[in-house]
Amino acid sequence: MANHSSARARVETPHVNQTTNQTSRTNTIVNALKRRAQSVLNDKLIDAQSRAIIRYALETNDPWLAELVRRADAGEDVIDNLQSLETNEDEANEERIEALTEMICRAGDEPATKSGALLVLMAALENAKHPKALANTGKHLAFIHCGELNLGGMVDTQIAVLERELFSR
């Protein structure tokens, strides 16, 4: 068939690129959000502090911009509602971190429980939205627990250090 002179090569039209469509849709949504945010910024009926927060969120491409704009459009005070933007997931994670840290740091020889709690703690940190914040919470709690368990030892060590410093002069 390749040698037959009457056969013509088929010309195919390129497929519509799905990622281009998705990017286009995303850009349309982002542009609409920016227009809504700009209209909120121009609305003098909305308090100046709320507009300042929205302006900053717009400039920094904050992921909460849509929620802030929605609340401002609904007539809610953005500043009073900032605390509610934090999810309960963070609070639940902090409670889990606290419980796991307590299991790891408590007195007694329970290697299975302690190693299991450590494994769950590491997984929780790995899957968290804000792993650094939760890791810092864990470190802080571990320090508190260790301090409670060994308060006398910590005081004795500090007294020894102070004594050395005082008598070395």
N, C-alpha and C. Protein backbone atom coordinates (compact mmCIF):
# COMPACT_ATOMS: atom_id res chain seq x y z
N MET A 1 0.82 -1.18 0.00
CA MET A 1 0.00 0.00 0.00
C MET A 1 0.87 1.25 0.00
N ALA A 2 2.08 1.13 0.56
CA ALA A 2 2.98 2.27 0.58
C ALA A 2 3.42 2.64 -0.83
N ASN A 3 3.42 1.68 -1.76
CA ASN A 3 3.84 1.96 -3.13
C ASN A 3 2.69 2.43 -4.00
N HIS A 4 1.48 2.31 -3.55
CA HIS A 4 0.31 2.70 -4.33
C HIS A 4 0.21 4.21 -4.35
N SER A 5 0.13 4.77 -5.52
CA SER A 5 0.18 6.23 -5.65
C SER A 5 -1.13 6.91 -5.29
N SER A 6 -2.23 6.19 -5.27
CA SER A 6 -3.50 6.84 -4.97
C SER A 6 -3.77 6.94 -3.46
N ALA A 7 -2.96 6.24 -2.64
CA ALA A 7 -3.17 6.30 -1.19
C ALA A 7 -2.61 7.60 -0.64
N ARG A 8 -3.41 8.24 0.19
CA ARG A 8 -2.97 9.49 0.79
C ARG A 8 -2.73 9.29 2.29
N ALA A 9 -1.75 9.99 2.81
CA ALA A 9 -1.48 9.93 4.26
C ALA A 9 -2.59 10.67 4.98
N ARG A 10 -3.01 10.07 6.07
CA ARG A 10 -4.06 10.69 6.86
C ARG A 10 -3.49 11.83 7.69
N VAL A 11 -4.14 12.93 7.70
CA VAL A 11 -3.73 14.06 8.51
C VAL A 11 -4.60 14.06 9.75
N GLU A 12 -3.95 13.92 10.90
CA GLU A 12 -4.70 13.89 12.16
C GLU A 12 -4.68 15.25 12.82
N THR A 13 -5.80 15.58 13.41
CA THR A 13 -5.84 16.81 14.19
C THR A 13 -5.31 16.50 15.58
N PRO A 14 -4.54 17.39 16.15
CA PRO A 14 -3.98 17.11 17.48
C PRO A 14 -5.09 17.05 18.53
N HIS A 15 -4.88 16.19 19.54
CA HIS A 15 -5.84 16.07 20.63
C HIS A 15 -5.79 17.33 21.48
N VAL A 16 -6.92 17.66 22.04
CA VAL A 16 -6.97 18.80 22.95
C VAL A 16 -6.19 18.42 24.20
N ASN A 17 -5.27 19.23 24.57
CA ASN A 17 -4.42 18.95 25.73
C ASN A 17 -5.20 19.22 27.00
N GLN A 18 -5.40 18.16 27.80
CA GLN A 18 -6.19 18.28 29.01
C GLN A 18 -5.55 19.21 30.03
N THR A 19 -4.23 19.16 30.14
CA THR A 19 -3.57 20.03 31.12
C THR A 19 -3.73 21.49 30.74
N THR A 20 -3.75 21.78 29.45
CA THR A 20 -3.96 23.16 29.02
C THR A 20 -5.35 23.62 29.43
N ASN A 21 -6.34 22.75 29.25
CA ASN A 21 -7.71 23.09 29.67
C ASN A 21 -7.79 23.30 31.18
N GLN A 22 -7.13 22.43 31.94
CA GLN A 22 -7.15 22.54 33.41
C GLN A 22 -6.47 23.83 33.85
N THR A 23 -5.33 24.14 33.23
CA THR A 23 -4.61 25.37 33.56
C THR A 23 -5.46 26.58 33.22
N SER A 24 -6.13 26.51 32.08
CA SER A 24 -6.99 27.62 31.67
C SER A 24 -8.13 27.82 32.65
N ARG A 25 -8.75 26.70 33.09
CA ARG A 25 -9.83 26.78 34.07
C ARG A 25 -9.33 27.35 35.39
N THR A 26 -8.16 26.87 35.82
CA THR A 26 -7.58 27.36 37.07
C THR A 26 -7.30 28.85 36.98
N ASN A 27 -6.72 29.30 35.87
CA ASN A 27 -6.44 30.72 35.68
C ASN A 27 -7.72 31.54 35.69
N THR A 28 -8.78 31.02 35.09
CA THR A 28 -10.06 31.72 35.08
C THR A 28 -10.59 31.89 36.50
N ILE A 29 -10.49 30.83 37.30
CA ILE A 29 -10.96 30.89 38.69
C ILE A 29 -10.12 31.87 39.50
N VAL A 30 -8.79 31.80 39.34
CA VAL A 30 -7.90 32.69 40.07
C VAL A 30 -8.16 34.14 39.68
N ASN A 31 -8.34 34.39 38.40
CA ASN A 31 -8.62 35.76 37.95
C ASN A 31 -9.95 36.27 38.49
N ALA A 32 -10.96 35.41 38.54
CA ALA A 32 -12.26 35.81 39.09
C ALA A 32 -12.11 36.13 40.59
N LEU A 33 -11.34 35.31 41.29
CA LEU A 33 -11.11 35.57 42.72
C LEU A 33 -10.39 36.89 42.92
N LYS A 34 -9.41 37.16 42.09
CA LYS A 34 -8.66 38.43 42.21
C LYS A 34 -9.58 39.62 41.93
N ARG A 35 -10.48 39.47 40.96
CA ARG A 35 -11.43 40.56 40.68
C ARG A 35 -12.37 40.78 41.86
N ARG A 36 -12.85 39.67 42.46
CA ARG A 36 -13.72 39.79 43.65
C ARG A 36 -12.97 40.46 44.79
N ALA A 37 -11.71 40.06 45.00
CA ALA A 37 -10.90 40.65 46.07
C ALA A 37 -10.71 42.14 45.81
N GLN A 38 -10.46 42.51 44.56
CA GLN A 38 -10.27 43.92 44.23
C GLN A 38 -11.54 44.72 44.48
N SER A 39 -12.69 44.12 44.20
CA SER A 39 -13.95 44.84 44.45
C SER A 39 -14.17 45.01 45.96
N VAL A 40 -13.74 44.02 46.75
CA VAL A 40 -13.83 44.15 48.22
C VAL A 40 -12.91 45.27 48.68
N LEU A 41 -11.72 45.35 48.10
CA LEU A 41 -10.77 46.40 48.48
C LEU A 41 -11.31 47.79 48.15
N ASN A 42 -12.08 47.89 47.09
CA ASN A 42 -12.64 49.18 46.69
C ASN A 42 -13.93 49.53 47.42
N ASP A 43 -14.49 48.58 48.15
CA ASP A 43 -15.75 48.79 48.86
C ASP A 43 -15.46 49.48 50.20
N LYS A 44 -15.82 50.74 50.32
CA LYS A 44 -15.53 51.52 51.53
C LYS A 44 -16.45 51.16 52.69
N LEU A 45 -17.50 50.35 52.42
CA LEU A 45 -18.38 49.91 53.50
C LEU A 45 -17.71 48.83 54.36
N ILE A 46 -16.70 48.19 53.81
CA ILE A 46 -15.95 47.16 54.55
C ILE A 46 -14.86 47.87 55.34
N ASP A 47 -14.69 47.46 56.60
CA ASP A 47 -13.76 48.18 57.47
C ASP A 47 -12.32 48.09 56.93
N ALA A 48 -11.53 49.10 57.30
CA ALA A 48 -10.18 49.24 56.77
C ALA A 48 -9.27 48.07 57.15
N GLN A 49 -9.42 47.54 58.36
CA GLN A 49 -8.56 46.43 58.79
C GLN A 49 -8.84 45.18 57.96
N SER A 50 -10.09 44.89 57.71
CA SER A 50 -10.45 43.74 56.89
C SER A 50 -9.91 43.90 55.48
N ARG A 51 -10.04 45.11 54.94
CA ARG A 51 -9.51 45.35 53.59
C ARG A 51 -7.99 45.20 53.57
N ALA A 52 -7.32 45.62 54.64
CA ALA A 52 -5.86 45.48 54.70
C ALA A 52 -5.44 44.01 54.72
N ILE A 53 -6.18 43.20 55.46
CA ILE A 53 -5.89 41.77 55.51
C ILE A 53 -6.10 41.14 54.14
N ILE A 54 -7.19 41.51 53.49
CA ILE A 54 -7.48 40.97 52.16
C ILE A 54 -6.44 41.45 51.15
N ARG A 55 -6.03 42.70 51.26
CA ARG A 55 -4.99 43.23 50.36
C ARG A 55 -3.70 42.43 50.53
N TYR A 56 -3.32 42.16 51.77
CA TYR A 56 -2.11 41.38 52.02
C TYR A 56 -2.26 39.95 51.50
N ALA A 57 -3.43 39.35 51.71
CA ALA A 57 -3.68 37.99 51.21
C ALA A 57 -3.63 37.96 49.69
N LEU A 58 -4.13 38.99 49.06
CA LEU A 58 -4.09 39.08 47.60
C LEU A 58 -2.66 39.21 47.10
N GLU A 59 -1.87 40.05 47.75
CA GLU A 59 -0.48 40.27 47.34
C GLU A 59 0.39 39.03 47.53
N THR A 60 0.09 38.25 48.56
CA THR A 60 0.92 37.08 48.88
C THR A 60 0.34 35.77 48.34
N ASN A 61 -0.75 35.86 47.58
CA ASN A 61 -1.43 34.66 47.07
C ASN A 61 -1.75 33.68 48.19
N ASP A 62 -2.27 34.22 49.26
CA ASP A 62 -2.61 33.41 50.43
C ASP A 62 -3.71 32.42 50.08
N PRO A 63 -3.57 31.16 50.53
CA PRO A 63 -4.59 30.17 50.22
C PRO A 63 -5.95 30.47 50.87
N TRP A 64 -6.00 31.33 51.87
CA TRP A 64 -7.26 31.68 52.53
C TRP A 64 -7.95 32.86 51.87
N LEU A 65 -7.40 33.38 50.77
CA LEU A 65 -7.97 34.56 50.13
C LEU A 65 -9.44 34.35 49.77
N ALA A 66 -9.77 33.22 49.20
CA ALA A 66 -11.17 32.97 48.80
C ALA A 66 -12.10 33.02 50.00
N GLU A 67 -11.67 32.42 51.10
CA GLU A 67 -12.51 32.42 52.31
C GLU A 67 -12.62 33.83 52.89
N LEU A 68 -11.53 34.58 52.89
CA LEU A 68 -11.57 35.95 53.41
C LEU A 68 -12.51 36.82 52.57
N VAL A 69 -12.41 36.69 51.26
CA VAL A 69 -13.27 37.46 50.36
C VAL A 69 -14.73 37.06 50.55
N ARG A 70 -15.00 35.76 50.67
CA ARG A 70 -16.37 35.28 50.88
C ARG A 70 -16.95 35.88 52.15
N ARG A 71 -16.14 35.89 53.23
CA ARG A 71 -16.64 36.43 54.49
C ARG A 71 -16.87 37.93 54.41
N ALA A 72 -15.97 38.64 53.73
CA ALA A 72 -16.15 40.08 53.58
C ALA A 72 -17.40 40.37 52.75
N ASP A 73 -17.59 39.60 51.66
CA ASP A 73 -18.79 39.77 50.83
C ASP A 73 -20.06 39.51 51.63
N ALA A 74 -19.99 38.59 52.58
CA ALA A 74 -21.17 38.24 53.39
C ALA A 74 -21.40 39.25 54.51
N GLY A 75 -20.53 40.23 54.63
CA GLY A 75 -20.69 41.25 55.65
C GLY A 75 -20.11 40.86 57.00
N GLU A 76 -19.36 39.75 57.05
CA GLU A 76 -18.74 39.33 58.30
C GLU A 76 -17.47 40.13 58.54
N ASP A 77 -17.13 40.30 59.80
CA ASP A 77 -15.90 40.99 60.15
C ASP A 77 -14.74 40.00 60.01
N VAL A 78 -13.86 40.23 59.08
CA VAL A 78 -12.77 39.30 58.77
C VAL A 78 -11.85 39.13 59.97
N ILE A 79 -11.56 40.20 60.68
CA ILE A 79 -10.62 40.13 61.80
C ILE A 79 -11.16 39.26 62.92
N ASP A 80 -12.43 39.41 63.24
CA ASP A 80 -13.02 38.59 64.31
C ASP A 80 -13.04 37.11 63.95
N ASN A 81 -13.07 36.81 62.67
CA ASN A 81 -13.18 35.43 62.23
C ASN A 81 -11.86 34.80 61.83
N LEU A 82 -10.75 35.49 61.98
CA LEU A 82 -9.46 34.92 61.59
C LEU A 82 -9.15 33.66 62.38
N GLN A 83 -9.48 33.65 63.64
CA GLN A 83 -9.20 32.48 64.48
C GLN A 83 -9.93 31.25 63.97
N SER A 84 -11.13 31.42 63.43
CA SER A 84 -11.89 30.27 62.97
C SER A 84 -11.37 29.71 61.66
N LEU A 85 -10.46 30.41 61.00
CA LEU A 85 -9.87 29.89 59.77
C LEU A 85 -8.95 28.71 60.05
N GLU A 86 -8.39 28.66 61.26
CA GLU A 86 -7.57 27.52 61.61
C GLU A 86 -8.47 26.31 61.77
N THR A 87 -8.04 25.20 61.23
CA THR A 87 -8.89 24.02 61.27
C THR A 87 -8.80 23.32 62.60
N ASN A 88 -9.84 22.58 62.92
CA ASN A 88 -9.83 21.77 64.13
C ASN A 88 -8.83 20.64 64.01
N GLU A 89 -8.40 20.36 62.77
CA GLU A 89 -7.42 19.30 62.55
C GLU A 89 -6.11 19.61 63.28
N ASP A 90 -5.70 20.87 63.27
CA ASP A 90 -4.48 21.26 63.96
C ASP A 90 -4.60 21.01 65.46
N GLU A 91 -5.78 21.36 66.03
CA GLU A 91 -5.99 21.15 67.46
C GLU A 91 -6.00 19.66 67.78
N ALA A 92 -6.64 18.87 66.93
CA ALA A 92 -6.68 17.42 67.15
C ALA A 92 -5.27 16.84 67.05
N ASN A 93 -4.49 17.32 66.09
CA ASN A 93 -3.11 16.85 65.95
C ASN A 93 -2.29 17.21 67.18
N GLU A 94 -2.48 18.42 67.71
CA GLU A 94 -1.75 18.83 68.90
C GLU A 94 -2.10 17.93 70.08
N GLU A 95 -3.38 17.59 70.20
CA GLU A 95 -3.79 16.68 71.28
C GLU A 95 -3.17 15.31 71.11
N ARG A 96 -3.12 14.83 69.86
CA ARG A 96 -2.48 13.54 69.59
C ARG A 96 -0.99 13.60 69.91
N ILE A 97 -0.34 14.69 69.51
CA ILE A 97 1.10 14.85 69.77
C ILE A 97 1.34 14.86 71.27
N GLU A 98 0.48 15.56 72.01
CA GLU A 98 0.63 15.62 73.46
C GLU A 98 0.47 14.22 74.08
N ALA A 99 -0.54 13.48 73.65
CA ALA A 99 -0.75 12.13 74.20
C ALA A 99 0.41 11.21 73.85
N LEU A 100 0.89 11.28 72.62
CA LEU A 100 2.01 10.42 72.20
C LEU A 100 3.29 10.79 72.93
N THR A 101 3.53 12.08 73.11
CA THR A 101 4.72 12.52 73.83
C THR A 101 4.67 12.05 75.27
N GLU A 102 3.49 12.12 75.87
CA GLU A 102 3.35 11.65 77.24
C GLU A 102 3.65 10.15 77.34
N MET A 103 3.16 9.37 76.35
CA MET A 103 3.44 7.93 76.36
C MET A 103 4.94 7.65 76.24
N ILE A 104 5.61 8.42 75.40
CA ILE A 104 7.04 8.20 75.16
C ILE A 104 7.85 8.61 76.37
N CYS A 105 7.47 9.69 77.03
CA CYS A 105 8.29 10.25 78.11
C CYS A 105 7.94 9.75 79.50
N ARG A 106 6.87 9.03 79.66
CA ARG A 106 6.48 8.64 81.01
C ARG A 106 7.48 7.65 81.62
N ALA A 107 7.49 7.66 82.93
CA ALA A 107 8.40 6.78 83.66
C ALA A 107 7.98 5.33 83.47
N GLY A 108 8.92 4.45 83.58
CA GLY A 108 8.63 3.03 83.46
C GLY A 108 9.26 2.45 82.21
N ASP A 109 9.43 1.16 82.25
CA ASP A 109 10.05 0.47 81.13
C ASP A 109 8.97 -0.23 80.32
N GLU A 110 8.50 0.43 79.27
CA GLU A 110 7.47 -0.10 78.40
C GLU A 110 7.95 0.05 76.95
N PRO A 111 8.96 -0.70 76.53
CA PRO A 111 9.54 -0.48 75.20
C PRO A 111 8.54 -0.64 74.06
N ALA A 112 7.62 -1.58 74.15
CA ALA A 112 6.66 -1.78 73.07
C ALA A 112 5.74 -0.56 72.92
N THR A 113 5.22 -0.08 74.04
CA THR A 113 4.33 1.08 74.01
C THR A 113 5.08 2.32 73.55
N LYS A 114 6.27 2.53 74.08
CA LYS A 114 7.04 3.73 73.75
C LYS A 114 7.48 3.73 72.29
N SER A 115 7.94 2.58 71.79
CA SER A 115 8.37 2.54 70.39
C SER A 115 7.17 2.67 69.46
N GLY A 116 6.04 2.08 69.82
CA GLY A 116 4.82 2.24 69.02
C GLY A 116 4.36 3.69 68.99
N ALA A 117 4.39 4.35 70.15
CA ALA A 117 3.99 5.76 70.22
C ALA A 117 4.94 6.62 69.38
N LEU A 118 6.23 6.28 69.41
CA LEU A 118 7.21 7.04 68.62
C LEU A 118 6.94 6.87 67.13
N LEU A 119 6.62 5.65 66.71
CA LEU A 119 6.31 5.39 65.30
C LEU A 119 5.06 6.17 64.87
N VAL A 120 4.03 6.15 65.69
CA VAL A 120 2.80 6.89 65.37
C VAL A 120 3.08 8.39 65.36
N LEU A 121 3.91 8.87 66.28
CA LEU A 121 4.28 10.29 66.32
C LEU A 121 5.00 10.70 65.03
N MET A 122 5.93 9.89 64.59
CA MET A 122 6.66 10.21 63.35
C MET A 122 5.72 10.23 62.15
N ALA A 123 4.78 9.28 62.08
CA ALA A 123 3.81 9.25 60.99
C ALA A 123 2.90 10.48 61.03
N ALA A 124 2.49 10.87 62.23
CA ALA A 124 1.63 12.06 62.37
C ALA A 124 2.37 13.30 61.89
N LEU A 125 3.65 13.42 62.23
CA LEU A 125 4.43 14.57 61.79
C LEU A 125 4.62 14.55 60.28
N GLU A 126 4.85 13.37 59.73
CA GLU A 126 5.07 13.24 58.29
C GLU A 126 3.84 13.64 57.49
N ASN A 127 2.66 13.33 58.00
CA ASN A 127 1.42 13.59 57.27
C ASN A 127 0.75 14.90 57.64
N ALA A 128 1.33 15.66 58.55
CA ALA A 128 0.70 16.90 59.02
C ALA A 128 0.83 18.01 57.99
N LYS A 129 -0.15 18.92 58.03
CA LYS A 129 -0.08 20.10 57.16
C LYS A 129 1.05 21.03 57.58
N HIS A 130 1.29 21.12 58.88
CA HIS A 130 2.32 22.00 59.42
C HIS A 130 3.25 21.17 60.31
N PRO A 131 4.11 20.35 59.70
CA PRO A 131 4.93 19.43 60.49
C PRO A 131 5.90 20.13 61.43
N LYS A 132 6.45 21.28 61.03
CA LYS A 132 7.41 21.97 61.91
C LYS A 132 6.73 22.45 63.18
N ALA A 133 5.54 22.98 63.04
CA ALA A 133 4.83 23.47 64.22
C ALA A 133 4.52 22.32 65.17
N LEU A 134 4.08 21.20 64.63
CA LEU A 134 3.78 20.05 65.49
C LEU A 134 5.05 19.45 66.08
N ALA A 135 6.14 19.45 65.32
CA ALA A 135 7.41 18.94 65.87
C ALA A 135 7.86 19.83 67.03
N ASN A 136 7.71 21.13 66.88
CA ASN A 136 8.07 22.04 67.97
C ASN A 136 7.19 21.81 69.19
N THR A 137 5.91 21.55 68.95
CA THR A 137 5.01 21.23 70.05
C THR A 137 5.49 19.97 70.76
N GLY A 138 5.84 18.94 69.98
CA GLY A 138 6.34 17.70 70.56
C GLY A 138 7.62 17.91 71.37
N LYS A 139 8.54 18.71 70.82
CA LYS A 139 9.80 18.98 71.54
C LYS A 139 9.52 19.72 72.85
N HIS A 140 8.64 20.71 72.78
CA HIS A 140 8.29 21.48 73.98
C HIS A 140 7.67 20.57 75.05
N LEU A 141 6.74 19.73 74.62
CA LEU A 141 6.08 18.82 75.56
C LEU A 141 7.07 17.81 76.14
N ALA A 142 7.97 17.31 75.29
CA ALA A 142 8.98 16.35 75.78
C ALA A 142 9.87 17.02 76.82
N PHE A 143 10.24 18.25 76.57
CA PHE A 143 11.08 18.96 77.54
C PHE A 143 10.34 19.14 78.86
N ILE A 144 9.06 19.50 78.78
CA ILE A 144 8.27 19.67 80.01
C ILE A 144 8.16 18.35 80.77
N HIS A 145 7.84 17.26 80.05
CA HIS A 145 7.71 15.96 80.71
C HIS A 145 9.03 15.51 81.31
N CYS A 146 10.11 15.66 80.56
CA CYS A 146 11.42 15.26 81.09
C CYS A 146 11.79 16.11 82.29
N GLY A 147 11.44 17.38 82.23
CA GLY A 147 11.72 18.26 83.37
C GLY A 147 10.93 17.86 84.60
N GLU A 148 9.68 17.47 84.40
CA GLU A 148 8.85 17.04 85.53
C GLU A 148 9.38 15.75 86.13
N LEU A 149 9.82 14.84 85.26
CA LEU A 149 10.32 13.55 85.75
C LEU A 149 11.67 13.67 86.44
N ASN A 150 12.45 14.65 86.02
CA ASN A 150 13.81 14.75 86.52
C ASN A 150 14.09 16.14 87.09
N LEU A 151 13.11 16.73 87.72
CA LEU A 151 13.29 18.07 88.25
C LEU A 151 14.43 18.12 89.26
N GLY A 152 14.48 17.15 90.15
CA GLY A 152 15.56 17.14 91.14
C GLY A 152 16.92 17.02 90.49
N GLY A 153 17.04 16.17 89.48
CA GLY A 153 18.31 16.01 88.78
C GLY A 153 18.73 17.27 88.05
N MET A 154 17.75 17.97 87.45
CA MET A 154 18.05 19.21 86.75
C MET A 154 18.52 20.28 87.73
N VAL A 155 17.86 20.36 88.87
CA VAL A 155 18.25 21.35 89.88
C VAL A 155 19.64 21.03 90.41
N ASP A 156 19.91 19.74 90.69
CA ASP A 156 21.23 19.35 91.18
C ASP A 156 22.32 19.71 90.18
N THR A 157 22.06 19.49 88.92
CA THR A 157 23.04 19.81 87.88
C THR A 157 23.28 21.31 87.82
N GLN A 158 22.21 22.09 87.87
CA GLN A 158 22.36 23.54 87.83
C GLN A 158 23.11 24.06 89.06
N ILE A 159 22.83 23.49 90.22
CA ILE A 159 23.54 23.90 91.44
C ILE A 159 25.02 23.59 91.30
N ALA A 160 25.35 22.43 90.75
CA ALA A 160 26.77 22.06 90.56
C ALA A 160 27.45 23.03 89.60
N VAL A 161 26.79 23.42 88.55
CA VAL A 161 27.36 24.37 87.59
C VAL A 161 27.57 25.72 88.26
N LEU A 162 26.57 26.19 89.00
CA LEU A 162 26.70 27.48 89.70
C LEU A 162 27.82 27.43 90.73
N GLU A 163 27.92 26.33 91.46
CA GLU A 163 28.95 26.18 92.47
C GLU A 163 30.33 26.24 91.83
N ARG A 164 30.51 25.55 90.72
CA ARG A 164 31.80 25.59 90.01
C ARG A 164 32.14 26.99 89.58
N GLU A 165 31.15 27.71 89.04
CA GLU A 165 31.39 29.08 88.57
C GLU A 165 31.74 30.00 89.73
N LEU A 166 31.05 29.84 90.84
CA LEU A 166 31.32 30.71 91.99
C LEU A 166 32.70 30.48 92.59
N PHE A 167 33.11 29.24 92.69
CA PHE A 167 34.39 28.93 93.33
C PHE A 167 35.57 29.00 92.36
N SER A 168 35.31 29.18 91.09
CA SER A 168 36.40 29.27 90.15
C SER A 168 36.97 30.68 90.08
N ARG A 169 36.36 31.61 90.73
CA ARG A 169 36.82 33.00 90.70
C ARG A 169 37.77 33.29 91.75
